[in-house]
Protein backbone atom coordinates (compact mmCIF):
# COMPACT_ATOMS: atom_id res chain seq x y z
CA UNK A 1 0.00 0.00 0.00
CA UNK A 2 1.57 3.26 -1.10
CA UNK A 3 0.83 6.91 -0.32
CA UNK A 4 -1.89 7.06 -2.99
CA UNK A 5 -3.74 4.07 -1.49
CA UNK A 6 -3.42 5.60 1.98
CA UNK A 7 -4.82 8.91 0.74
CA UNK A 8 -7.68 7.16 -1.09
CA UNK A 9 -8.55 5.25 2.09
CA UNK A 10 -8.43 8.45 4.17
CA UNK A 11 -10.75 10.23 1.73
CA UNK A 12 -13.24 7.34 1.66
CA UNK A 13 -13.17 7.06 5.45
CA UNK A 14 -14.02 10.75 5.72
CA UNK A 15 -16.78 10.48 3.09
CA UNK A 16 -17.59 7.09 1.57
CA UNK A 17 -19.95 8.77 -0.89
CA UNK A 18 -17.19 10.61 -2.75
CA UNK A 19 -17.26 9.86 -6.44
CA UNK A 20 -14.27 8.19 -8.06
CA UNK A 21 -13.86 11.39 -10.10
CA UNK A 22 -13.61 13.49 -6.93
CA UNK A 23 -11.16 11.05 -5.29
CA UNK A 24 -9.06 11.06 -8.47
CA UNK A 25 -9.00 14.86 -8.48
CA UNK A 26 -7.91 15.02 -4.83
CA UNK A 27 -5.14 12.41 -5.13
CA UNK A 28 -4.02 13.67 -8.56
CA UNK A 29 -4.45 10.35 -10.39
CA UNK A 30 -6.65 9.36 -13.31
CA UNK A 31 -10.17 8.12 -12.69
CA UNK A 32 -9.19 4.72 -14.15
CA UNK A 33 -6.18 4.43 -11.83
CA UNK A 34 -8.27 5.31 -8.77
CA UNK A 35 -11.02 2.85 -9.77
CA UNK A 36 -8.45 0.07 -10.11
CA UNK A 37 -6.83 0.94 -6.78
CA UNK A 38 -10.20 0.92 -5.00
CA UNK A 39 -11.06 -2.41 -6.64
CA UNK A 40 -7.73 -3.90 -5.44
CA UNK A 41 -8.22 -2.50 -1.91
CA UNK A 42 -11.67 -4.11 -1.82
CA UNK A 43 -10.44 -7.43 -3.25
CA UNK A 44 -7.57 -7.63 -0.75
CA UNK A 45 -9.92 -6.95 2.16
CA UNK A 46 -8.40 -3.61 3.13
CA UNK A 47 -11.73 -1.97 2.31
CA UNK A 48 -14.39 -4.24 3.76
CA UNK A 49 -17.47 -2.15 3.13
CA UNK A 50 -19.08 1.26 3.11
CA UNK A 51 -21.31 2.36 5.98
CA UNK A 52 -23.63 5.13 7.01
CA UNK A 53 -22.99 6.72 10.40
CA UNK A 54 -26.40 7.16 12.01
CA UNK A 55 -27.06 9.89 14.58
CA UNK A 56 -28.17 8.66 17.97
CA UNK A 57 -31.84 9.11 18.72
CA UNK A 58 -32.49 12.18 20.84
CA UNK A 59 -34.16 9.99 23.48
CA UNK A 60 -30.93 8.17 24.41
CA UNK A 61 -29.54 9.80 27.52
CA UNK A 62 -27.98 6.88 29.39
CA UNK A 63 -25.40 4.43 28.07
CA UNK A 64 -23.98 1.56 30.07
CA UNK A 65 -22.16 -1.74 29.83
CA UNK A 66 -23.36 -4.64 31.94
CA UNK A 67 -21.06 -7.48 32.87
CA UNK A 68 -23.20 -10.59 33.09
CA UNK A 69 -22.19 -13.60 35.19
CA UNK A 70 -24.28 -16.77 35.01
CA UNK A 71 -24.23 -20.45 35.90
CA UNK A 72 -25.20 -23.00 33.31
CA UNK A 73 -26.54 -22.15 29.90
CA UNK A 74 -24.68 -20.77 26.93
CA UNK A 75 -24.15 -17.29 25.55
CA UNK A 76 -26.59 -17.96 22.72
CA UNK A 77 -29.35 -18.69 25.26
CA UNK A 78 -28.80 -15.36 26.99
CA UNK A 79 -28.47 -13.47 23.70
CA UNK A 80 -31.97 -14.66 22.84
CA UNK A 81 -33.21 -13.32 26.19
CA UNK A 82 -31.55 -9.93 25.48
CA UNK A 83 -33.51 -9.58 22.22
CA UNK A 84 -36.58 -8.82 24.37
CA UNK A 85 -35.04 -5.48 25.41
CA UNK A 86 -34.92 -2.79 22.69
CA UNK A 87 -32.37 -0.92 24.81
CA UNK A 88 -29.81 -3.72 24.42
CA UNK A 89 -27.68 -2.76 21.44
CA UNK A 90 -24.91 -5.36 21.60
CA UNK A 91 -24.03 -8.58 23.40
CA UNK A 92 -20.46 -9.83 23.38
CA UNK A 93 -19.08 -13.12 24.62
CA UNK A 94 -15.71 -12.24 26.11
CA UNK A 95 -12.79 -14.05 27.67
CA UNK A 96 -12.07 -14.01 31.38
CA UNK A 97 -14.30 -14.13 34.42
CA UNK A 98 -17.21 -12.27 32.83
CA UNK A 99 -19.57 -14.45 30.78
CA UNK A 100 -21.08 -11.70 28.63
CA UNK A 101 -20.74 -7.97 28.08
CA UNK A 102 -23.95 -6.13 27.22
CA UNK A 103 -24.15 -2.59 25.84
CA UNK A 104 -27.35 -0.68 26.65
CA UNK A 105 -28.74 2.68 25.54
CA UNK A 106 -31.72 3.78 27.64
CA UNK A 107 -33.94 6.85 27.74
CA UNK A 108 -33.44 7.35 31.49
CA UNK A 109 -31.70 6.03 34.59
CA UNK A 110 -35.04 4.61 35.68
CA UNK A 111 -35.38 2.61 32.47
CA UNK A 112 -31.78 1.40 32.76
CA UNK A 113 -32.54 0.23 36.30
CA UNK A 114 -35.67 -1.60 35.08
CA UNK A 115 -33.78 -3.39 32.31
CA UNK A 116 -30.89 -4.22 34.63
CA UNK A 117 -33.32 -5.63 37.22
CA UNK A 118 -35.04 -7.82 34.65
CA UNK A 119 -31.70 -9.12 33.38
CA UNK A 120 -30.53 -9.75 36.93
CA UNK A 121 -33.63 -11.90 37.52
CA UNK A 122 -33.04 -14.17 34.53
CA UNK A 123 -32.58 -17.84 35.51
CA UNK A 124 -28.94 -18.68 36.15
CA UNK A 125 -27.75 -15.08 36.43
CA UNK A 126 -25.96 -14.62 39.74
CA UNK A 127 -24.25 -11.25 39.27
CA UNK A 128 -24.53 -8.13 37.12
CA UNK A 129 -21.96 -5.32 37.23
CA UNK A 130 -22.89 -1.96 35.73
CA UNK A 131 -20.41 0.41 34.07
CA UNK A 132 -21.84 3.80 33.07
CA UNK A 133 -20.52 5.46 29.92
CA UNK A 134 -19.30 8.93 30.80
CA UNK A 135 -17.88 9.94 27.41
CA UNK A 136 -17.56 8.43 23.93
CA UNK A 137 -14.93 9.10 21.31
CA UNK A 138 -15.80 8.41 17.69
CA UNK A 139 -13.06 6.73 15.70
């Protein structure tokens, strides 16, 4: 990957909707050369897709991670239980003592407490640790 590829990637990361013509103009290469470079970056897996960044709903005011500890069962079983909560955005099976990490976005502290309480009462769950998100950095 040379400086042109790096610049192309930087431009597409900043705005994936740039036209090949605009990218070519900014990196000072022909449209054909830029198209081929993008095709090669996609084929090699460097570029894995193009995504829209969606603004958070205005109703989200509380974000938290829950560490879930349970006896018996499998992650998949608990993931299915989490689907009942629209506030649960992500479930991750992780290594170490914690069985599952759950990311929640709730409209209020009260709603977070309700969801946490319902998760805590699931069969087999013996401990839930809450970590409040204080600040996010977009990458």
